């Protein structure tokens, strides 16, 4: 969700400066990058790592 919001904000700022055509080009490039299997894999690994860290913090030191 955060990635989407940052992408939209960046695209908006750059798009308003460069015109609508450039904005559309940036949106397409972002979507291609975000949908790339390598990026999806890295995002999945990062998500799992963060979820594991959050679970460890919730457990507390006595449960580890």
N, C-alpha and C. Protein backbone atom coordinates (compact mmCIF):
# COMPACT_ATOMS: atom_id res chain seq x y z
N UNK A 1 0.82 -1.19 0.00
CA UNK A 1 0.00 0.00 0.00
C UNK A 1 0.87 1.26 0.00
N UNK A 2 1.89 1.26 0.86
CA UNK A 2 2.78 2.42 0.93
C UNK A 2 3.50 2.60 -0.40
N UNK A 3 3.92 1.48 -1.00
CA UNK A 3 4.62 1.54 -2.28
C UNK A 3 3.73 2.19 -3.33
N UNK A 4 2.47 1.83 -3.34
CA UNK A 4 1.51 2.40 -4.29
C UNK A 4 1.36 3.90 -4.08
N UNK A 5 1.20 4.31 -2.83
CA UNK A 5 1.01 5.73 -2.53
C UNK A 5 2.25 6.52 -2.93
N UNK A 6 3.44 6.00 -2.60
CA UNK A 6 4.67 6.70 -2.98
C UNK A 6 4.80 6.79 -4.50
N UNK A 7 4.45 5.72 -5.19
CA UNK A 7 4.50 5.73 -6.65
C UNK A 7 3.56 6.75 -7.25
N UNK A 8 2.36 6.82 -6.72
CA UNK A 8 1.38 7.79 -7.21
C UNK A 8 1.86 9.21 -6.94
N UNK A 9 2.36 9.46 -5.74
CA UNK A 9 2.83 10.81 -5.39
C UNK A 9 4.00 11.22 -6.28
N UNK A 10 4.95 10.33 -6.45
CA UNK A 10 6.10 10.64 -7.30
C UNK A 10 5.65 10.85 -8.74
N UNK A 11 4.80 10.00 -9.24
CA UNK A 11 4.30 10.15 -10.59
C UNK A 11 3.53 11.45 -10.78
N UNK A 12 2.77 11.83 -9.78
CA UNK A 12 2.01 13.07 -9.87
C UNK A 12 2.95 14.28 -9.94
N UNK A 13 3.91 14.32 -9.04
CA UNK A 13 4.82 15.47 -9.01
C UNK A 13 5.61 15.57 -10.31
N UNK A 14 6.19 14.45 -10.72
CA UNK A 14 6.97 14.47 -11.96
C UNK A 14 6.07 14.70 -13.17
N UNK A 15 4.88 14.13 -13.13
CA UNK A 15 3.96 14.27 -14.24
C UNK A 15 3.47 15.68 -14.44
N UNK A 16 3.21 16.38 -13.35
CA UNK A 16 2.74 17.76 -13.50
C UNK A 16 3.82 18.66 -14.06
N UNK A 17 5.05 18.32 -13.82
CA UNK A 17 6.15 19.13 -14.34
C UNK A 17 6.45 18.78 -15.80
N UNK A 18 6.28 17.54 -16.18
CA UNK A 18 6.69 17.11 -17.51
C UNK A 18 5.51 16.97 -18.47
N UNK A 19 4.30 17.11 -17.99
CA UNK A 19 3.14 16.96 -18.85
C UNK A 19 2.51 15.59 -18.72
N UNK A 20 1.32 15.49 -19.22
CA UNK A 20 0.53 14.26 -19.06
C UNK A 20 1.16 13.06 -19.76
N UNK A 21 1.73 13.27 -20.92
CA UNK A 21 2.34 12.15 -21.64
C UNK A 21 3.49 11.55 -20.85
N UNK A 22 4.32 12.39 -20.29
CA UNK A 22 5.44 11.91 -19.47
C UNK A 22 4.91 11.20 -18.22
N UNK A 23 3.85 11.73 -17.64
CA UNK A 23 3.23 11.11 -16.48
C UNK A 23 2.78 9.68 -16.81
N UNK A 24 2.10 9.52 -17.92
CA UNK A 24 1.66 8.18 -18.33
C UNK A 24 2.84 7.25 -18.55
N UNK A 25 3.91 7.78 -19.12
CA UNK A 25 5.12 6.98 -19.33
C UNK A 25 5.70 6.52 -17.99
N UNK A 26 5.74 7.42 -17.02
CA UNK A 26 6.24 7.07 -15.70
C UNK A 26 5.37 6.03 -15.02
N UNK A 27 4.07 6.16 -15.15
CA UNK A 27 3.15 5.19 -14.55
C UNK A 27 3.37 3.81 -15.16
N UNK A 28 3.51 3.74 -16.47
CA UNK A 28 3.75 2.45 -17.12
C UNK A 28 5.07 1.84 -16.66
N UNK A 29 6.11 2.65 -16.55
CA UNK A 29 7.41 2.15 -16.10
C UNK A 29 7.33 1.64 -14.66
N UNK A 30 6.63 2.36 -13.82
CA UNK A 30 6.45 1.93 -12.44
C UNK A 30 5.70 0.60 -12.38
N UNK A 31 4.64 0.48 -13.15
CA UNK A 31 3.85 -0.74 -13.14
C UNK A 31 4.66 -1.93 -13.64
N UNK A 32 5.46 -1.72 -14.69
CA UNK A 32 6.31 -2.81 -15.20
C UNK A 32 7.31 -3.24 -14.14
N UNK A 33 7.89 -2.27 -13.45
CA UNK A 33 8.87 -2.58 -12.41
C UNK A 33 8.20 -3.28 -11.24
N UNK A 34 7.08 -2.76 -10.78
CA UNK A 34 6.39 -3.34 -9.63
C UNK A 34 5.88 -4.75 -9.92
N UNK A 35 5.54 -5.03 -11.17
CA UNK A 35 5.01 -6.33 -11.54
C UNK A 35 6.09 -7.33 -11.94
N UNK A 36 7.34 -6.90 -11.98
CA UNK A 36 8.43 -7.78 -12.39
C UNK A 36 8.60 -8.89 -11.35
N UNK A 37 8.79 -10.14 -11.79
CA UNK A 37 8.91 -11.27 -10.85
C UNK A 37 10.04 -11.09 -9.82
N UNK A 38 11.17 -10.52 -10.22
CA UNK A 38 12.27 -10.33 -9.28
C UNK A 38 11.88 -9.35 -8.18
N UNK A 39 11.16 -8.30 -8.55
CA UNK A 39 10.73 -7.31 -7.56
C UNK A 39 9.68 -7.94 -6.64
N UNK A 40 8.78 -8.71 -7.21
CA UNK A 40 7.76 -9.37 -6.41
C UNK A 40 8.40 -10.35 -5.42
N UNK A 41 9.41 -11.08 -5.88
CA UNK A 41 10.11 -12.01 -5.00
C UNK A 41 10.81 -11.29 -3.86
N UNK A 42 11.49 -10.20 -4.17
CA UNK A 42 12.18 -9.43 -3.14
C UNK A 42 11.18 -8.84 -2.15
N UNK A 43 10.05 -8.38 -2.65
CA UNK A 43 9.03 -7.82 -1.78
C UNK A 43 8.47 -8.90 -0.85
N UNK A 44 8.30 -10.11 -1.36
CA UNK A 44 7.82 -11.21 -0.53
C UNK A 44 8.80 -11.57 0.57
N UNK A 45 10.08 -11.59 0.23
CA UNK A 45 11.12 -11.89 1.22
C UNK A 45 11.15 -10.79 2.28
N UNK A 46 11.09 -9.54 1.85
CA UNK A 46 11.10 -8.43 2.80
C UNK A 46 9.88 -8.48 3.71
N UNK A 47 8.73 -8.77 3.13
CA UNK A 47 7.49 -8.85 3.91
C UNK A 47 7.60 -9.95 4.96
N UNK A 48 8.11 -11.12 4.58
CA UNK A 48 8.26 -12.24 5.52
C UNK A 48 9.25 -11.88 6.62
N UNK A 49 10.33 -11.21 6.27
CA UNK A 49 11.32 -10.81 7.26
C UNK A 49 10.72 -9.85 8.28
N UNK A 50 9.98 -8.87 7.79
CA UNK A 50 9.36 -7.89 8.69
C UNK A 50 8.32 -8.58 9.57
N UNK A 51 7.52 -9.45 9.00
CA UNK A 51 6.50 -10.15 9.79
C UNK A 51 7.16 -11.00 10.87
N UNK A 52 8.27 -11.66 10.54
CA UNK A 52 8.99 -12.46 11.53
C UNK A 52 9.55 -11.60 12.64
N UNK A 53 10.09 -10.45 12.29
CA UNK A 53 10.63 -9.53 13.30
C UNK A 53 9.51 -9.01 14.21
N UNK A 54 8.37 -8.69 13.63
CA UNK A 54 7.25 -8.20 14.42
C UNK A 54 6.77 -9.29 15.38
N UNK A 55 6.71 -10.51 14.92
CA UNK A 55 6.29 -11.62 15.80
C UNK A 55 7.27 -11.81 16.94
N UNK A 56 8.57 -11.68 16.66
CA UNK A 56 9.57 -11.82 17.72
C UNK A 56 9.44 -10.72 18.74
N UNK A 57 9.14 -9.52 18.31
CA UNK A 57 8.98 -8.40 19.23
C UNK A 57 7.73 -8.62 20.07
N UNK A 58 6.68 -9.11 19.48
CA UNK A 58 5.43 -9.35 20.22
C UNK A 58 5.59 -10.43 21.26
N UNK A 59 6.41 -11.44 20.98
CA UNK A 59 6.63 -12.54 21.91
C UNK A 59 7.26 -12.07 23.21
N UNK A 60 8.20 -11.17 23.10
CA UNK A 60 8.91 -10.69 24.27
C UNK A 60 10.11 -11.57 24.56
N UNK A 61 11.03 -11.09 25.37
CA UNK A 61 12.28 -11.81 25.62
C UNK A 61 12.08 -13.13 26.37
N UNK A 62 11.03 -13.22 27.19
CA UNK A 62 10.84 -14.46 27.98
C UNK A 62 10.35 -15.62 27.11
N UNK A 63 9.75 -15.34 25.96
CA UNK A 63 9.20 -16.39 25.09
C UNK A 63 10.17 -16.83 24.00
N UNK A 64 11.27 -16.15 23.84
CA UNK A 64 12.19 -16.47 22.73
C UNK A 64 13.11 -17.57 23.07
